[in-house]
Amino acid sequence: IRNMVMFRNVVDGQPFTNWWDNGSNQVA
């Protein structure tokens, strides 16, 4: 969780991109 708080800081202002899924419960 603390590392994802930092992740959010690092990507702030960047667009939502490169969505991938397998049609089920694997996503990126």
mmCIF file of all heavy atoms, coordinates in Angstrom:
data_MODEL
# 
_entry.id   MODEL 
# 
loop_
_atom_site.group_PDB 
_atom_site.id 
_atom_site.type_symbol 
_atom_site.label_atom_id 
_atom_site.label_alt_id 
_atom_site.label_comp_id 
_atom_site.label_asym_id 
_atom_site.label_entity_id 
_atom_site.label_seq_id 
_atom_site.pdbx_PDB_ins_code 
_atom_site.Cartn_x 
_atom_site.Cartn_y 
_atom_site.Cartn_z 
_atom_site.occupancy 
_atom_site.B_iso_or_equiv 
_atom_site.pdbx_formal_charge 
_atom_site.auth_seq_id 
_atom_site.auth_comp_id 
_atom_site.auth_asym_id 
_atom_site.auth_atom_id 
_atom_site.pdbx_PDB_model_num 
ATOM 1   N N   . ILE A 1 1  ? 0.829   -1.209  0.000   1.00 0.00 ? 1  ILE A N   1 
ATOM 2   C CA  . ILE A 1 1  ? 0.000   0.000   0.000   1.00 0.00 ? 1  ILE A CA  1 
ATOM 3   C C   . ILE A 1 1  ? 0.862   1.258   0.000   1.00 0.00 ? 1  ILE A C   1 
ATOM 4   O O   . ILE A 1 1  ? 0.647   2.174   -0.799  1.00 0.00 ? 1  ILE A O   1 
ATOM 5   C CB  . ILE A 1 1  ? -0.994  -0.038  1.188   1.00 0.00 ? 1  ILE A CB  1 
ATOM 6   C CG1 . ILE A 1 1  ? -2.060  -1.126  0.918   1.00 0.00 ? 1  ILE A CG1 1 
ATOM 7   C CG2 . ILE A 1 1  ? -1.640  1.331   1.424   1.00 0.00 ? 1  ILE A CG2 1 
ATOM 8   C CD1 . ILE A 1 1  ? -3.048  -1.349  2.048   1.00 0.00 ? 1  ILE A CD1 1 
ATOM 9   N N   . ARG A 1 2  ? 1.883   1.326   0.875   1.00 0.00 ? 2  ARG A N   1 
ATOM 10  C CA  . ARG A 1 2  ? 2.720   2.536   0.904   1.00 0.00 ? 2  ARG A CA  1 
ATOM 11  C C   . ARG A 1 2  ? 3.454   2.728   -0.422  1.00 0.00 ? 2  ARG A C   1 
ATOM 12  O O   . ARG A 1 2  ? 3.629   3.858   -0.876  1.00 0.00 ? 2  ARG A O   1 
ATOM 13  C CB  . ARG A 1 2  ? 3.676   2.524   2.087   1.00 0.00 ? 2  ARG A CB  1 
ATOM 14  C CG  . ARG A 1 2  ? 4.738   1.517   1.999   1.00 0.00 ? 2  ARG A CG  1 
ATOM 15  C CD  . ARG A 1 2  ? 6.161   1.886   1.991   1.00 0.00 ? 2  ARG A CD  1 
ATOM 16  N NE  . ARG A 1 2  ? 6.831   0.886   2.800   1.00 0.00 ? 2  ARG A NE  1 
ATOM 17  C CZ  . ARG A 1 2  ? 7.688   0.002   2.313   1.00 0.00 ? 2  ARG A CZ  1 
ATOM 18  N NH1 . ARG A 1 2  ? 8.010   -0.007  1.033   1.00 0.00 ? 2  ARG A NH1 1 
ATOM 19  N NH2 . ARG A 1 2  ? 8.230   -0.887  3.104   1.00 0.00 ? 2  ARG A NH2 1 
ATOM 20  N N   . ASN A 1 3  ? 3.847   1.628   -1.085  1.00 0.00 ? 3  ASN A N   1 
ATOM 21  C CA  . ASN A 1 3  ? 4.528   1.773   -2.374  1.00 0.00 ? 3  ASN A CA  1 
ATOM 22  C C   . ASN A 1 3  ? 3.569   2.205   -3.478  1.00 0.00 ? 3  ASN A C   1 
ATOM 23  O O   . ASN A 1 3  ? 3.980   2.857   -4.435  1.00 0.00 ? 3  ASN A O   1 
ATOM 24  C CB  . ASN A 1 3  ? 5.232   0.473   -2.765  1.00 0.00 ? 3  ASN A CB  1 
ATOM 25  C CG  . ASN A 1 3  ? 6.558   0.303   -2.042  1.00 0.00 ? 3  ASN A CG  1 
ATOM 26  O OD1 . ASN A 1 3  ? 7.030   1.230   -1.380  1.00 0.00 ? 3  ASN A OD1 1 
ATOM 27  N ND2 . ASN A 1 3  ? 7.163   -0.865  -2.161  1.00 0.00 ? 3  ASN A ND2 1 
ATOM 28  N N   . MET A 1 4  ? 2.279   1.857   -3.350  1.00 0.00 ? 4  MET A N   1 
ATOM 29  C CA  . MET A 1 4  ? 1.303   2.323   -4.330  1.00 0.00 ? 4  MET A CA  1 
ATOM 30  C C   . MET A 1 4  ? 0.933   3.793   -4.096  1.00 0.00 ? 4  MET A C   1 
ATOM 31  O O   . MET A 1 4  ? 0.558   4.499   -5.039  1.00 0.00 ? 4  MET A O   1 
ATOM 32  C CB  . MET A 1 4  ? 0.061   1.436   -4.313  1.00 0.00 ? 4  MET A CB  1 
ATOM 33  C CG  . MET A 1 4  ? 0.270   0.078   -4.990  1.00 0.00 ? 4  MET A CG  1 
ATOM 34  S SD  . MET A 1 4  ? 0.916   0.179   -6.693  1.00 0.00 ? 4  MET A SD  1 
ATOM 35  C CE  . MET A 1 4  ? -0.386  1.114   -7.505  1.00 0.00 ? 4  MET A CE  1 
ATOM 36  N N   . VAL A 1 5  ? 1.046   4.260   -2.866  1.00 0.00 ? 5  VAL A N   1 
ATOM 37  C CA  . VAL A 1 5  ? 0.889   5.705   -2.615  1.00 0.00 ? 5  VAL A CA  1 
ATOM 38  C C   . VAL A 1 5  ? 1.960   6.462   -3.394  1.00 0.00 ? 5  VAL A C   1 
ATOM 39  O O   . VAL A 1 5  ? 1.694   7.474   -4.051  1.00 0.00 ? 5  VAL A O   1 
ATOM 40  C CB  . VAL A 1 5  ? 0.956   6.008   -1.102  1.00 0.00 ? 5  VAL A CB  1 
ATOM 41  C CG1 . VAL A 1 5  ? 1.136   7.502   -0.843  1.00 0.00 ? 5  VAL A CG1 1 
ATOM 42  C CG2 . VAL A 1 5  ? -0.295  5.490   -0.401  1.00 0.00 ? 5  VAL A CG2 1 
ATOM 43  N N   . MET A 1 6  ? 3.191   5.944   -3.368  1.00 0.00 ? 6  MET A N   1 
ATOM 44  C CA  . MET A 1 6  ? 4.279   6.567   -4.123  1.00 0.00 ? 6  MET A CA  1 
ATOM 45  C C   . MET A 1 6  ? 4.049   6.423   -5.629  1.00 0.00 ? 6  MET A C   1 
ATOM 46  O O   . MET A 1 6  ? 4.310   7.358   -6.400  1.00 0.00 ? 6  MET A O   1 
ATOM 47  C CB  . MET A 1 6  ? 5.626   5.954   -3.715  1.00 0.00 ? 6  MET A CB  1 
ATOM 48  C CG  . MET A 1 6  ? 6.825   6.681   -4.303  1.00 0.00 ? 6  MET A CG  1 
ATOM 49  S SD  . MET A 1 6  ? 6.951   8.409   -3.761  1.00 0.00 ? 6  MET A SD  1 
ATOM 50  C CE  . MET A 1 6  ? 7.638   8.190   -2.112  1.00 0.00 ? 6  MET A CE  1 
ATOM 51  N N   . PHE A 1 7  ? 3.547   5.266   -6.061  1.00 0.00 ? 7  PHE A N   1 
ATOM 52  C CA  . PHE A 1 7  ? 3.215   5.043   -7.477  1.00 0.00 ? 7  PHE A CA  1 
ATOM 53  C C   . PHE A 1 7  ? 2.280   6.157   -7.952  1.00 0.00 ? 7  PHE A C   1 
ATOM 54  O O   . PHE A 1 7  ? 2.491   6.760   -9.011  1.00 0.00 ? 7  PHE A O   1 
ATOM 55  C CB  . PHE A 1 7  ? 2.546   3.669   -7.630  1.00 0.00 ? 7  PHE A CB  1 
ATOM 56  C CG  . PHE A 1 7  ? 2.127   3.292   -9.031  1.00 0.00 ? 7  PHE A CG  1 
ATOM 57  C CD1 . PHE A 1 7  ? 2.851   2.373   -9.775  1.00 0.00 ? 7  PHE A CD1 1 
ATOM 58  C CD2 . PHE A 1 7  ? 0.969   3.825   -9.611  1.00 0.00 ? 7  PHE A CD2 1 
ATOM 59  C CE1 . PHE A 1 7  ? 2.451   1.998   -11.062 1.00 0.00 ? 7  PHE A CE1 1 
ATOM 60  C CE2 . PHE A 1 7  ? 0.560   3.473   -10.889 1.00 0.00 ? 7  PHE A CE2 1 
ATOM 61  C CZ  . PHE A 1 7  ? 1.308   2.554   -11.620 1.00 0.00 ? 7  PHE A CZ  1 
ATOM 62  N N   . ARG A 1 8  ? 1.218   6.444   -7.165  1.00 0.00 ? 8  ARG A N   1 
ATOM 63  C CA  . ARG A 1 8  ? 0.254   7.471   -7.566  1.00 0.00 ? 8  ARG A CA  1 
ATOM 64  C C   . ARG A 1 8  ? 0.926   8.834   -7.701  1.00 0.00 ? 8  ARG A C   1 
ATOM 65  O O   . ARG A 1 8  ? 0.616   9.601   -8.615  1.00 0.00 ? 8  ARG A O   1 
ATOM 66  C CB  . ARG A 1 8  ? -0.909  7.537   -6.570  1.00 0.00 ? 8  ARG A CB  1 
ATOM 67  C CG  . ARG A 1 8  ? -2.073  8.415   -7.045  1.00 0.00 ? 8  ARG A CG  1 
ATOM 68  C CD  . ARG A 1 8  ? -3.270  8.318   -6.104  1.00 0.00 ? 8  ARG A CD  1 
ATOM 69  N NE  . ARG A 1 8  ? -4.457  8.956   -6.670  1.00 0.00 ? 8  ARG A NE  1 
ATOM 70  C CZ  . ARG A 1 8  ? -5.276  8.389   -7.529  1.00 0.00 ? 8  ARG A CZ  1 
ATOM 71  N NH1 . ARG A 1 8  ? -5.058  7.153   -7.956  1.00 0.00 ? 8  ARG A NH1 1 
ATOM 72  N NH2 . ARG A 1 8  ? -6.342  9.042   -7.994  1.00 0.00 ? 8  ARG A NH2 1 
ATOM 73  N N   . ASN A 1 9  ? 1.846   9.138   -6.776  1.00 0.00 ? 9  ASN A N   1 
ATOM 74  C CA  . ASN A 1 9  ? 2.583   10.406  -6.885  1.00 0.00 ? 9  ASN A CA  1 
ATOM 75  C C   . ASN A 1 9  ? 3.395   10.466  -8.171  1.00 0.00 ? 9  ASN A C   1 
ATOM 76  O O   . ASN A 1 9  ? 3.427   11.490  -8.860  1.00 0.00 ? 9  ASN A O   1 
ATOM 77  C CB  . ASN A 1 9  ? 3.531   10.571  -5.690  1.00 0.00 ? 9  ASN A CB  1 
ATOM 78  C CG  . ASN A 1 9  ? 2.803   10.746  -4.371  1.00 0.00 ? 9  ASN A CG  1 
ATOM 79  O OD1 . ASN A 1 9  ? 1.623   11.079  -4.330  1.00 0.00 ? 9  ASN A OD1 1 
ATOM 80  N ND2 . ASN A 1 9  ? 3.517   10.525  -3.271  1.00 0.00 ? 9  ASN A ND2 1 
ATOM 81  N N   . VAL A 1 10 ? 4.062   9.360   -8.500  1.00 0.00 ? 10 VAL A N   1 
ATOM 82  C CA  . VAL A 1 10 ? 4.957   9.323   -9.672  1.00 0.00 ? 10 VAL A CA  1 
ATOM 83  C C   . VAL A 1 10 ? 4.175   9.479   -10.974 1.00 0.00 ? 10 VAL A C   1 
ATOM 84  O O   . VAL A 1 10 ? 4.642   10.129  -11.919 1.00 0.00 ? 10 VAL A O   1 
ATOM 85  C CB  . VAL A 1 10 ? 5.777   8.009   -9.675  1.00 0.00 ? 10 VAL A CB  1 
ATOM 86  C CG1 . VAL A 1 10 ? 6.555   7.850   -10.982 1.00 0.00 ? 10 VAL A CG1 1 
ATOM 87  C CG2 . VAL A 1 10 ? 6.735   7.980   -8.485  1.00 0.00 ? 10 VAL A CG2 1 
ATOM 88  N N   . VAL A 1 11 ? 2.969   8.901   -11.048 1.00 0.00 ? 11 VAL A N   1 
ATOM 89  C CA  . VAL A 1 11 ? 2.202   8.928   -12.308 1.00 0.00 ? 11 VAL A CA  1 
ATOM 90  C C   . VAL A 1 11 ? 1.197   10.073  -12.365 1.00 0.00 ? 11 VAL A C   1 
ATOM 91  O O   . VAL A 1 11 ? 0.428   10.186  -13.321 1.00 0.00 ? 11 VAL A O   1 
ATOM 92  C CB  . VAL A 1 11 ? 1.455   7.587   -12.542 1.00 0.00 ? 11 VAL A CB  1 
ATOM 93  C CG1 . VAL A 1 11 ? 2.428   6.424   -12.526 1.00 0.00 ? 11 VAL A CG1 1 
ATOM 94  C CG2 . VAL A 1 11 ? 0.333   7.380   -11.520 1.00 0.00 ? 11 VAL A CG2 1 
ATOM 95  N N   . ASP A 1 12 ? 1.190   10.941  -11.366 1.00 0.00 ? 12 ASP A N   1 
ATOM 96  C CA  . ASP A 1 12 ? 0.197   12.016  -11.295 1.00 0.00 ? 12 ASP A CA  1 
ATOM 97  C C   . ASP A 1 12 ? 0.165   12.840  -12.579 1.00 0.00 ? 12 ASP A C   1 
ATOM 98  O O   . ASP A 1 12 ? 1.214   13.240  -13.101 1.00 0.00 ? 12 ASP A O   1 
ATOM 99  C CB  . ASP A 1 12 ? 0.534   12.934  -10.104 1.00 0.00 ? 12 ASP A CB  1 
ATOM 100 C CG  . ASP A 1 12 ? -0.535  13.985  -9.870  1.00 0.00 ? 12 ASP A CG  1 
ATOM 101 O OD1 . ASP A 1 12 ? -1.725  13.690  -10.073 1.00 0.00 ? 12 ASP A OD1 1 
ATOM 102 O OD2 . ASP A 1 12 ? -0.176  15.121  -9.487  1.00 0.00 ? 12 ASP A OD2 1 
ATOM 103 N N   . GLY A 1 13 ? -1.034  13.037  -13.101 1.00 0.00 ? 13 GLY A N   1 
ATOM 104 C CA  . GLY A 1 13 ? -1.208  13.832  -14.311 1.00 0.00 ? 13 GLY A CA  1 
ATOM 105 C C   . GLY A 1 13 ? -1.061  13.061  -15.604 1.00 0.00 ? 13 GLY A C   1 
ATOM 106 O O   . GLY A 1 13 ? -1.317  13.601  -16.688 1.00 0.00 ? 13 GLY A O   1 
ATOM 107 N N   . GLN A 1 14 ? -0.676  11.787  -15.518 1.00 0.00 ? 14 GLN A N   1 
ATOM 108 C CA  . GLN A 1 14 ? -0.500  10.967  -16.714 1.00 0.00 ? 14 GLN A CA  1 
ATOM 109 C C   . GLN A 1 14 ? -1.825  10.328  -17.127 1.00 0.00 ? 14 GLN A C   1 
ATOM 110 O O   . GLN A 1 14 ? -2.654  9.996   -16.273 1.00 0.00 ? 14 GLN A O   1 
ATOM 111 C CB  . GLN A 1 14 ? 0.527   9.861   -16.432 1.00 0.00 ? 14 GLN A CB  1 
ATOM 112 C CG  . GLN A 1 14 ? 1.936   10.367  -16.205 1.00 0.00 ? 14 GLN A CG  1 
ATOM 113 C CD  . GLN A 1 14 ? 2.603   10.821  -17.494 1.00 0.00 ? 14 GLN A CD  1 
ATOM 114 O OE1 . GLN A 1 14 ? 2.620   10.103  -18.484 1.00 0.00 ? 14 GLN A OE1 1 
ATOM 115 N NE2 . GLN A 1 14 ? 3.148   12.027  -17.491 1.00 0.00 ? 14 GLN A NE2 1 
ATOM 116 N N   . PRO A 1 15 ? -2.029  10.116  -18.418 1.00 0.00 ? 15 PRO A N   1 
ATOM 117 C CA  . PRO A 1 15 ? -3.297  9.534   -18.879 1.00 0.00 ? 15 PRO A CA  1 
ATOM 118 C C   . PRO A 1 15 ? -3.402  8.038   -18.576 1.00 0.00 ? 15 PRO A C   1 
ATOM 119 O O   . PRO A 1 15 ? -2.403  7.361   -18.314 1.00 0.00 ? 15 PRO A O   1 
ATOM 120 C CB  . PRO A 1 15 ? -3.258  9.768   -20.394 1.00 0.00 ? 15 PRO A CB  1 
ATOM 121 C CG  . PRO A 1 15 ? -1.798  9.822   -20.736 1.00 0.00 ? 15 PRO A CG  1 
ATOM 122 C CD  . PRO A 1 15 ? -1.136  10.467  -19.543 1.00 0.00 ? 15 PRO A CD  1 
ATOM 123 N N   . PHE A 1 16 ? -4.632  7.560   -18.591 1.00 0.00 ? 16 PHE A N   1 
ATOM 124 C CA  . PHE A 1 16 ? -4.953  6.133   -18.441 1.00 0.00 ? 16 PHE A CA  1 
ATOM 125 C C   . PHE A 1 16 ? -4.721  5.480   -19.798 1.00 0.00 ? 16 PHE A C   1 
ATOM 126 O O   . PHE A 1 16 ? -5.378  5.833   -20.779 1.00 0.00 ? 16 PHE A O   1 
ATOM 127 C CB  . PHE A 1 16 ? -6.415  6.034   -18.000 1.00 0.00 ? 16 PHE A CB  1 
ATOM 128 C CG  . PHE A 1 16 ? -6.938  4.640   -17.811 1.00 0.00 ? 16 PHE A CG  1 
ATOM 129 C CD1 . PHE A 1 16 ? -6.592  3.893   -16.696 1.00 0.00 ? 16 PHE A CD1 1 
ATOM 130 C CD2 . PHE A 1 16 ? -7.822  4.086   -18.731 1.00 0.00 ? 16 PHE A CD2 1 
ATOM 131 C CE1 . PHE A 1 16 ? -7.113  2.617   -16.507 1.00 0.00 ? 16 PHE A CE1 1 
ATOM 132 C CE2 . PHE A 1 16 ? -8.337  2.815   -18.556 1.00 0.00 ? 16 PHE A CE2 1 
ATOM 133 C CZ  . PHE A 1 16 ? -7.980  2.083   -17.439 1.00 0.00 ? 16 PHE A CZ  1 
ATOM 134 N N   . THR A 1 17 ? -3.766  4.544   -19.877 1.00 0.00 ? 17 THR A N   1 
ATOM 135 C CA  . THR A 1 17 ? -3.335  4.029   -21.184 1.00 0.00 ? 17 THR A CA  1 
ATOM 136 C C   . THR A 1 17 ? -3.136  2.508   -21.157 1.00 0.00 ? 17 THR A C   1 
ATOM 137 O O   . THR A 1 17 ? -3.080  1.898   -20.082 1.00 0.00 ? 17 THR A O   1 
ATOM 138 C CB  . THR A 1 17 ? -1.990  4.662   -21.604 1.00 0.00 ? 17 THR A CB  1 
ATOM 139 O OG1 . THR A 1 17 ? -1.058  4.535   -20.513 1.00 0.00 ? 17 THR A OG1 1 
ATOM 140 C CG2 . THR A 1 17 ? -2.144  6.131   -21.941 1.00 0.00 ? 17 THR A CG2 1 
ATOM 141 N N   . ASN A 1 18 ? -2.963  1.941   -22.358 1.00 0.00 ? 18 ASN A N   1 
ATOM 142 C CA  . ASN A 1 18 ? -2.532  0.543   -22.544 1.00 0.00 ? 18 ASN A CA  1 
ATOM 143 C C   . ASN A 1 18 ? -3.334  -0.466  -21.716 1.00 0.00 ? 18 ASN A C   1 
ATOM 144 O O   . ASN A 1 18 ? -2.775  -1.381  -21.114 1.00 0.00 ? 18 ASN A O   1 
ATOM 145 C CB  . ASN A 1 18 ? -1.023  0.410   -22.217 1.00 0.00 ? 18 ASN A CB  1 
ATOM 146 C CG  . ASN A 1 18 ? -0.164  1.134   -23.237 1.00 0.00 ? 18 ASN A CG  1 
ATOM 147 O OD1 . ASN A 1 18 ? -0.315  0.942   -24.442 1.00 0.00 ? 18 ASN A OD1 1 
ATOM 148 N ND2 . ASN A 1 18 ? 0.723   1.992   -22.760 1.00 0.00 ? 18 ASN A ND2 1 
ATOM 149 N N   . TRP A 1 19 ? -4.654  -0.280  -21.741 1.00 0.00 ? 19 TRP A N   1 
ATOM 150 C CA  . TRP A 1 19 ? -5.505  -1.271  -21.046 1.00 0.00 ? 19 TRP A CA  1 
ATOM 151 C C   . TRP A 1 19 ? -5.377  -2.624  -21.735 1.00 0.00 ? 19 TRP A C   1 
ATOM 152 O O   . TRP A 1 19 ? -5.347  -2.729  -22.964 1.00 0.00 ? 19 TRP A O   1 
ATOM 153 C CB  . TRP A 1 19 ? -6.966  -0.836  -21.063 1.00 0.00 ? 19 TRP A CB  1 
ATOM 154 C CG  . TRP A 1 19 ? -7.888  -1.882  -20.490 1.00 0.00 ? 19 TRP A CG  1 
ATOM 155 C CD1 . TRP A 1 19 ? -8.523  -2.881  -21.183 1.00 0.00 ? 19 TRP A CD1 1 
ATOM 156 C CD2 . TRP A 1 19 ? -8.247  -2.071  -19.117 1.00 0.00 ? 19 TRP A CD2 1 
ATOM 157 N NE1 . TRP A 1 19 ? -9.266  -3.666  -20.334 1.00 0.00 ? 19 TRP A NE1 1 
ATOM 158 C CE2 . TRP A 1 19 ? -9.114  -3.191  -19.048 1.00 0.00 ? 19 TRP A CE2 1 
ATOM 159 C CE3 . TRP A 1 19 ? -7.926  -1.405  -17.938 1.00 0.00 ? 19 TRP A CE3 1 
ATOM 160 C CZ2 . TRP A 1 19 ? -9.660  -3.656  -17.851 1.00 0.00 ? 19 TRP A CZ2 1 
ATOM 161 C CZ3 . TRP A 1 19 ? -8.477  -1.858  -16.736 1.00 0.00 ? 19 TRP A CZ3 1 
ATOM 162 C CH2 . TRP A 1 19 ? -9.327  -2.978  -16.713 1.00 0.00 ? 19 TRP A CH2 1 
ATOM 163 N N   . TRP A 1 20 ? -5.296  -3.678  -20.934 1.00 0.00 ? 20 TRP A N   1 
ATOM 164 C CA  . TRP A 1 20 ? -5.320  -5.054  -21.443 1.00 0.00 ? 20 TRP A CA  1 
ATOM 165 C C   . TRP A 1 20 ? -6.149  -5.890  -20.485 1.00 0.00 ? 20 TRP A C   1 
ATOM 166 O O   . TRP A 1 20 ? -6.114  -5.681  -19.261 1.00 0.00 ? 20 TRP A O   1 
ATOM 167 C CB  . TRP A 1 20 ? -3.895  -5.628  -21.507 1.00 0.00 ? 20 TRP A CB  1 
ATOM 168 C CG  . TRP A 1 20 ? -3.873  -7.118  -21.765 1.00 0.00 ? 20 TRP A CG  1 
ATOM 169 C CD1 . TRP A 1 20 ? -3.892  -7.744  -22.983 1.00 0.00 ? 20 TRP A CD1 1 
ATOM 170 C CD2 . TRP A 1 20 ? -3.852  -8.160  -20.784 1.00 0.00 ? 20 TRP A CD2 1 
ATOM 171 N NE1 . TRP A 1 20 ? -3.890  -9.116  -22.819 1.00 0.00 ? 20 TRP A NE1 1 
ATOM 172 C CE2 . TRP A 1 20 ? -3.872  -9.400  -21.477 1.00 0.00 ? 20 TRP A CE2 1 
ATOM 173 C CE3 . TRP A 1 20 ? -3.835  -8.179  -19.387 1.00 0.00 ? 20 TRP A CE3 1 
ATOM 174 C CZ2 . TRP A 1 20 ? -3.862  -10.638 -20.827 1.00 0.00 ? 20 TRP A CZ2 1 
ATOM 175 C CZ3 . TRP A 1 20 ? -3.826  -9.408  -18.725 1.00 0.00 ? 20 TRP A CZ3 1 
ATOM 176 C CH2 . TRP A 1 20 ? -3.840  -10.627 -19.448 1.00 0.00 ? 20 TRP A CH2 1 
ATOM 177 N N   . ASP A 1 21 ? -6.922  -6.827  -21.036 1.00 0.00 ? 21 ASP A N   1 
ATOM 178 C CA  . ASP A 1 21 ? -7.577  -7.818  -20.175 1.00 0.00 ? 21 ASP A CA  1 
ATOM 179 C C   . ASP A 1 21 ? -7.734  -9.122  -20.949 1.00 0.00 ? 21 ASP A C   1 
ATOM 180 O O   . ASP A 1 21 ? -7.609  -9.156  -22.177 1.00 0.00 ? 21 ASP A O   1 
ATOM 181 C CB  . ASP A 1 21 ? -8.945  -7.319  -19.678 1.00 0.00 ? 21 ASP A CB  1 
ATOM 182 C CG  . ASP A 1 21 ? -9.974  -7.161  -20.787 1.00 0.00 ? 21 ASP A CG  1 
ATOM 183 O OD1 . ASP A 1 21 ? -10.441 -8.193  -21.323 1.00 0.00 ? 21 ASP A OD1 1 
ATOM 184 O OD2 . ASP A 1 21 ? -10.337 -6.009  -21.112 1.00 0.00 ? 21 ASP A OD2 1 
ATOM 185 N N   . ASN A 1 22 ? -7.976  -10.199 -20.220 1.00 0.00 ? 22 ASN A N   1 
ATOM 186 C CA  . ASN A 1 22 ? -8.143  -11.506 -20.852 1.00 0.00 ? 22 ASN A CA  1 
ATOM 187 C C   . ASN A 1 22 ? -9.617  -11.883 -20.957 1.00 0.00 ? 22 ASN A C   1 
ATOM 188 O O   . ASN A 1 22 ? -9.952  -13.047 -21.157 1.00 0.00 ? 22 ASN A O   1 
ATOM 189 C CB  . ASN A 1 22 ? -7.383  -12.589 -20.060 1.00 0.00 ? 22 ASN A CB  1 
ATOM 190 C CG  . ASN A 1 22 ? -8.020  -12.858 -18.690 1.00 0.00 ? 22 ASN A CG  1 
ATOM 191 O OD1 . ASN A 1 22 ? -8.770  -12.030 -18.179 1.00 0.00 ? 22 ASN A OD1 1 
ATOM 192 N ND2 . ASN A 1 22 ? -7.721  -14.025 -18.109 1.00 0.00 ? 22 ASN A ND2 1 
ATOM 193 N N   . GLY A 1 23 ? -10.499 -10.892 -20.788 1.00 0.00 ? 23 GLY A N   1 
ATOM 194 C CA  . GLY A 1 23 ? -11.922 -11.153 -20.815 1.00 0.00 ? 23 GLY A CA  1 
ATOM 195 C C   . GLY A 1 23 ? -12.457 -11.685 -19.503 1.00 0.00 ? 23 GLY A C   1 
ATOM 196 O O   . GLY A 1 23 ? -13.651 -11.917 -19.350 1.00 0.00 ? 23 GLY A O   1 
ATOM 197 N N   . SER A 1 24 ? -11.563 -11.862 -18.549 1.00 0.00 ? 24 SER A N   1 
ATOM 198 C CA  . SER A 1 24 ? -11.965 -12.414 -17.252 1.00 0.00 ? 24 SER A CA  1 
ATOM 199 C C   . SER A 1 24 ? -11.414 -11.527 -16.118 1.00 0.00 ? 24 SER A C   1 
ATOM 200 O O   . SER A 1 24 ? -11.754 -10.346 -16.054 1.00 0.00 ? 24 SER A O   1 
ATOM 201 C CB  . SER A 1 24 ? -11.475 -13.862 -17.134 1.00 0.00 ? 24 SER A CB  1 
ATOM 202 O OG  . SER A 1 24 ? -11.949 -14.468 -15.942 1.00 0.00 ? 24 SER A OG  1 
ATOM 203 N N   . ASN A 1 25 ? -10.534 -12.072 -15.294 1.00 0.00 ? 25 ASN A N   1 
ATOM 204 C CA  . ASN A 1 25 ? -10.058 -11.326 -14.123 1.00 0.00 ? 25 ASN A CA  1 
ATOM 205 C C   . ASN A 1 25 ? -8.556  -11.076 -14.132 1.00 0.00 ? 25 ASN A C   1 
ATOM 206 O O   . ASN A 1 25 ? -7.944  -10.911 -13.080 1.00 0.00 ? 25 ASN A O   1 
ATOM 207 C CB  . ASN A 1 25 ? -10.474 -12.056 -12.842 1.00 0.00 ? 25 ASN A CB  1 
ATOM 208 C CG  . ASN A 1 25 ? -11.973 -11.973 -12.621 1.00 0.00 ? 25 ASN A CG  1 
ATOM 209 O OD1 . ASN A 1 25 ? -12.515 -10.903 -12.331 1.00 0.00 ? 25 ASN A OD1 1 
ATOM 210 N ND2 . ASN A 1 25 ? -12.650 -13.106 -12.802 1.00 0.00 ? 25 ASN A ND2 1 
ATOM 211 N N   . GLN A 1 26 ? -7.976  -11.075 -15.333 1.00 0.00 ? 26 GLN A N   1 
ATOM 212 C CA  . GLN A 1 26 ? -6.605  -10.636 -15.509 1.00 0.00 ? 26 GLN A CA  1 
ATOM 213 C C   . GLN A 1 26 ? -6.643  -9.325  -16.292 1.00 0.00 ? 26 GLN A C   1 
ATOM 214 O O   . GLN A 1 26 ? -7.185  -9.286  -17.401 1.00 0.00 ? 26 GLN A O   1 
ATOM 215 C CB  . GLN A 1 26 ? -5.781  -11.685 -16.259 1.00 0.00 ? 26 GLN A CB  1 
ATOM 216 C CG  . GLN A 1 26 ? -5.681  -13.004 -15.505 1.00 0.00 ? 26 GLN A CG  1 
ATOM 217 C CD  . GLN A 1 26 ? -4.909  -14.074 -16.263 1.00 0.00 ? 26 GLN A CD  1 
ATOM 218 O OE1 . GLN A 1 26 ? -4.411  -13.843 -17.363 1.00 0.00 ? 26 GLN A OE1 1 
ATOM 219 N NE2 . GLN A 1 26 ? -4.821  -15.261 -15.662 1.00 0.00 ? 26 GLN A NE2 1 
ATOM 220 N N   . VAL A 1 27 ? -6.106  -8.263  -15.689 1.00 0.00 ? 27 VAL A N   1 
ATOM 221 C CA  . VAL A 1 27 ? -6.147  -6.950  -16.337 1.00 0.00 ? 27 VAL A CA  1 
ATOM 222 C C   . VAL A 1 27 ? -4.818  -6.238  -16.116 1.00 0.00 ? 27 VAL A C   1 
ATOM 223 O O   . VAL A 1 27 ? -4.060  -6.567  -15.199 1.00 0.00 ? 27 VAL A O   1 
ATOM 224 C CB  . VAL A 1 27 ? -7.290  -6.059  -15.810 1.00 0.00 ? 27 VAL A CB  1 
ATOM 225 C CG1 . VAL A 1 27 ? -8.649  -6.741  -15.956 1.00 0.00 ? 27 VAL A CG1 1 
ATOM 226 C CG2 . VAL A 1 27 ? -7.058  -5.629  -14.365 1.00 0.00 ? 27 VAL A CG2 1 
ATOM 227 N N   . ALA A 1 28 ? -4.559  -5.252  -16.971 1.00 0.00 ? 28 ALA A N   1 
ATOM 228 C CA  . ALA A 1 28 ? -3.372  -4.414  -16.820 1.00 0.00 ? 28 ALA A CA  1 
ATOM 229 C C   . ALA A 1 28 ? -3.675  -3.049  -17.424 1.00 0.00 ? 28 ALA A C   1 
ATOM 230 O O   . ALA A 1 28 ? -4.534  -2.930  -18.310 1.00 0.00 ? 28 ALA A O   1 
ATOM 231 C CB  . ALA A 1 28 ? -2.168  -5.044  -17.516 1.00 0.00 ? 28 ALA A CB  1 
# 
